[in-house]
C-alpha atoms as a PDB file:
ATOM      1  CA  MET A   1       0.100   0.026   0.177  1.00  0.00           C
ATOM      2  CA  THR A   2       1.117   3.593  -0.734  1.00  0.00           C
ATOM      3  CA  LYS A   3       1.453   6.230   2.302  1.00  0.00           C
ATOM      4  CA  GLN A   4      -1.830   7.854   0.715  1.00  0.00           C
ATOM      5  CA  GLU A   5      -3.764   4.625   1.081  1.00  0.00           C
ATOM      6  CA  PHE A   6      -2.583   3.987   4.595  1.00  0.00           C
ATOM      7  CA  LEU A   7      -4.162   7.334   5.669  1.00  0.00           C
ATOM      8  CA  ASP A   8      -7.132   6.722   3.652  1.00  0.00           C
ATOM      9  CA  SER A   9      -7.668   3.269   5.585  1.00  0.00           C
ATOM     10  CA  LEU A  10      -7.998   5.791   8.941  1.00  0.00           C
ATOM     11  CA  LYS A  11      -9.833   8.527   7.502  1.00  0.00           C
ATOM     12  CA  ASP A  12     -13.459   7.255   8.065  1.00  0.00           C
ATOM     13  CA  PHE A  13     -14.475   5.203  11.231  1.00  0.00           C
ATOM     14  CA  SER A  14     -15.025   1.567  10.660  1.00  0.00           C
ATOM     15  CA  PRO A  15     -15.266  -1.324  13.167  1.00  0.00           C
ATOM     16  CA  ASP A  16     -12.403  -3.195  11.748  1.00  0.00           C
ATOM     17  CA  PHE A  17      -9.239  -2.336  13.827  1.00  0.00           C
ATOM     18  CA  PRO A  18      -6.907  -0.770  11.040  1.00  0.00           C
ATOM     19  CA  LYS A  19      -3.685  -2.792  12.535  1.00  0.00           C
ATOM     20  CA  GLU A  20      -1.805  -2.832   9.357  1.00  0.00           C
ATOM     21  CA  ALA A  21      -1.988   0.898   8.776  1.00  0.00           C
ATOM     22  CA  LEU A  22      -1.380   1.810  12.299  1.00  0.00           C
ATOM     23  CA  MET A  23       1.818  -0.462  12.310  1.00  0.00           C
ATOM     24  CA  GLU A  24       2.928   1.073   9.074  1.00  0.00           C
ATOM     25  CA  ILE A  25       2.634   4.539  10.483  1.00  0.00           C
ATOM     26  CA  GLN A  26       4.353   3.504  13.838  1.00  0.00           C
ATOM     27  CA  SER A  27       7.212   2.008  11.822  1.00  0.00           C
ATOM     28  CA  ASN A  28       7.575   5.051   9.552  1.00  0.00           C
ATOM     29  CA  ARG A  29       6.443   7.939  12.021  1.00  0.00           C
ATOM     30  CA  ALA A  30       8.779  10.667  10.544  1.00  0.00           C
ATOM     31  CA  ASP A  31       6.972  10.130   7.086  1.00  0.00           C
ATOM     32  CA  PHE A  32       3.740  10.426   8.388  1.00  0.00           C
ATOM     33  CA  ILE A  33       4.046  13.440  11.117  1.00  0.00           C
ATOM     34  CA  PRO A  34       3.038  16.080   8.801  1.00  0.00           C
ATOM     35  CA  GLU A  35      -0.107  14.307   7.653  1.00  0.00           C
ATOM     36  CA  LEU A  36      -1.073  13.621  11.195  1.00  0.00           C
ATOM     37  CA  LEU A  37      -0.750  16.868  12.021  1.00  0.00           C
ATOM     38  CA  ASP A  38      -2.795  18.187   9.045  1.00  0.00           C
ATOM     39  CA  SER A  39      -5.552  15.922  10.268  1.00  0.00           C
ATOM     40  CA  LEU A  40      -5.914  17.573  13.624  1.00  0.00           C
ATOM     41  CA  ASP A  41      -5.791  21.028  11.918  1.00  0.00           C
ATOM     42  CA  TYR A  42      -8.245  19.791   9.501  1.00  0.00           C
ATOM     43  CA  ALA A  43     -10.763  18.607  12.089  1.00  0.00           C
ATOM     44  CA  HIS A  44     -10.400  21.818  14.080  1.00  0.00           C
ATOM     45  CA  ARG A  45     -11.087  23.998  11.193  1.00  0.00           C
ATOM     46  CA  ASN A  46     -14.101  21.973   9.727  1.00  0.00           C
ATOM     47  CA  ALA A  47     -15.496  20.818  13.449  1.00  0.00           C
ATOM     48  CA  LYS A  48     -18.789  22.333  12.827  1.00  0.00           C
ATOM     49  CA  GLU A  49     -19.538  20.676   9.503  1.00  0.00           C
ATOM     50  CA  LEU A  50     -17.976  17.344  10.358  1.00  0.00           C
ATOM     51  CA  CYS A  51     -20.437  17.169  13.353  1.00  0.00           C
ATOM     52  CA  GLU A  52     -23.588  18.546  11.246  1.00  0.00           C
ATOM     53  CA  SER A  53     -23.123  16.283   8.684  1.00  0.00           C
ATOM     54  CA  ASN A  54     -22.604  13.160  10.924  1.00  0.00           C
ATOM     55  CA  SER A  55     -19.162  12.636   9.194  1.00  0.00           C
ATOM     56  CA  ASP A  56     -17.505   9.425  10.010  1.00  0.00           C
ATOM     57  CA  TYR A  57     -14.101  11.353   9.887  1.00  0.00           C
ATOM     58  CA  PHE A  58     -11.846   9.604  12.430  1.00  0.00           C
ATOM     59  CA  LEU A  59      -8.352  10.153  11.212  1.00  0.00           C
ATOM     60  CA  HIS A  60      -7.767  12.781  13.683  1.00  0.00           C
ATOM     61  CA  THR A  61      -8.648  10.339  16.567  1.00  0.00           C
ATOM     62  CA  TYR A  62      -6.010   8.135  15.369  1.00  0.00           C
ATOM     63  CA  ALA A  63      -3.718  11.352  15.108  1.00  0.00           C
ATOM     64  CA  MET A  64      -3.871  12.232  18.455  1.00  0.00           C
ATOM     65  CA  TYR A  65      -2.834   9.044  19.990  1.00  0.00           C
ATOM     66  CA  LEU A  66      -0.129   8.430  17.417  1.00  0.00           C
ATOM     67  CA  LEU A  67       1.459  11.874  17.924  1.00  0.00           C
ATOM     68  CA  ALA A  68       1.218  11.376  21.487  1.00  0.00           C
ATOM     69  CA  GLU A  69       2.896   7.897  21.148  1.00  0.00           C
ATOM     70  CA  PHE A  70       5.708   9.767  19.244  1.00  0.00           C
ATOM     71  CA  ARG A  71       5.673  12.592  21.758  1.00  0.00           C
ATOM     72  CA  GLU A  72       5.432  15.145  18.687  1.00  0.00           C
ATOM     73  CA  LYS A  73       5.600  18.388  20.268  1.00  0.00           C
ATOM     74  CA  GLN A  74       4.038  20.131  17.706  1.00  0.00           C
ATOM     75  CA  ALA A  75       0.840  18.233  18.318  1.00  0.00           C
ATOM     76  CA  VAL A  76       0.085  20.208  21.234  1.00  0.00           C
ATOM     77  CA  SER A  77      -0.507  23.283  19.465  1.00  0.00           C
ATOM     78  CA  ALA A  78      -2.433  21.317  16.795  1.00  0.00           C
ATOM     79  CA  SER A  79      -4.848  19.747  19.136  1.00  0.00           C
ATOM     80  CA  LEU A  80      -5.445  22.521  21.588  1.00  0.00           C
ATOM     81  CA  PRO A  81      -6.215  25.581  19.498  1.00  0.00           C
ATOM     82  CA  THR A  82      -6.025  28.859  21.125  1.00  0.00           C
ATOM     83  CA  SER A  83      -9.902  29.095  21.125  1.00  0.00           C
ATOM     84  CA  PRO A  84     -11.799  27.058  23.940  1.00  0.00           C
ATOM     85  CA  TRP A  85     -13.176  23.869  22.954  1.00  0.00           C
ATOM     86  CA  THR A  86     -16.675  24.848  24.106  1.00  0.00           C
ATOM     87  CA  ARG A  87     -16.833  27.915  21.272  1.00  0.00           C
ATOM     88  CA  SER A  88     -18.635  27.027  18.146  1.00  0.00           C
ATOM     89  CA  GLY A  89     -21.501  25.363  19.600  1.00  0.00           C
ATOM     90  CA  GLY A  90     -18.978  22.660  21.306  1.00  0.00           C
ATOM     91  CA  TYR A  91     -18.355  20.857  17.857  1.00  0.00           C
ATOM     92  CA  ARG A  92     -14.816  20.535  18.778  1.00  0.00           C
ATOM     93  CA  TRP A  93     -15.541  18.957  21.962  1.00  0.00           C
ATOM     94  CA  ARG A  94     -17.909  16.625  20.169  1.00  0.00           C
ATOM     95  CA  LEU A  95     -15.358  15.320  17.752  1.00  0.00           C
ATOM     96  CA  THR A  96     -13.237  14.360  20.508  1.00  0.00           C
ATOM     97  CA  LYS A  97     -15.403  12.877  23.164  1.00  0.00           C
ATOM     98  CA  GLU A  98     -17.399  10.068  21.419  1.00  0.00           C
END
């Protein structure tokens, strides 16, 4: 599988655990960190739309766990935006709590 195919396999929620994709990312962390950070930014910028459309977008959830495992310091600013989580109707909170 290509790099993009691994990321695509994590993009939407699936009841099947994506073990192969997660192991690939863990084995090649430096190659995937930019895209993982981008997924956090995407979820932050599009929180309202993702919640209102009942999207199955899930990459940001895997990204948070992987970036924490990698101890990636850039993830802190990407996952904790300067605006409170409760603004915008709590959409950012709803993306992470379920």
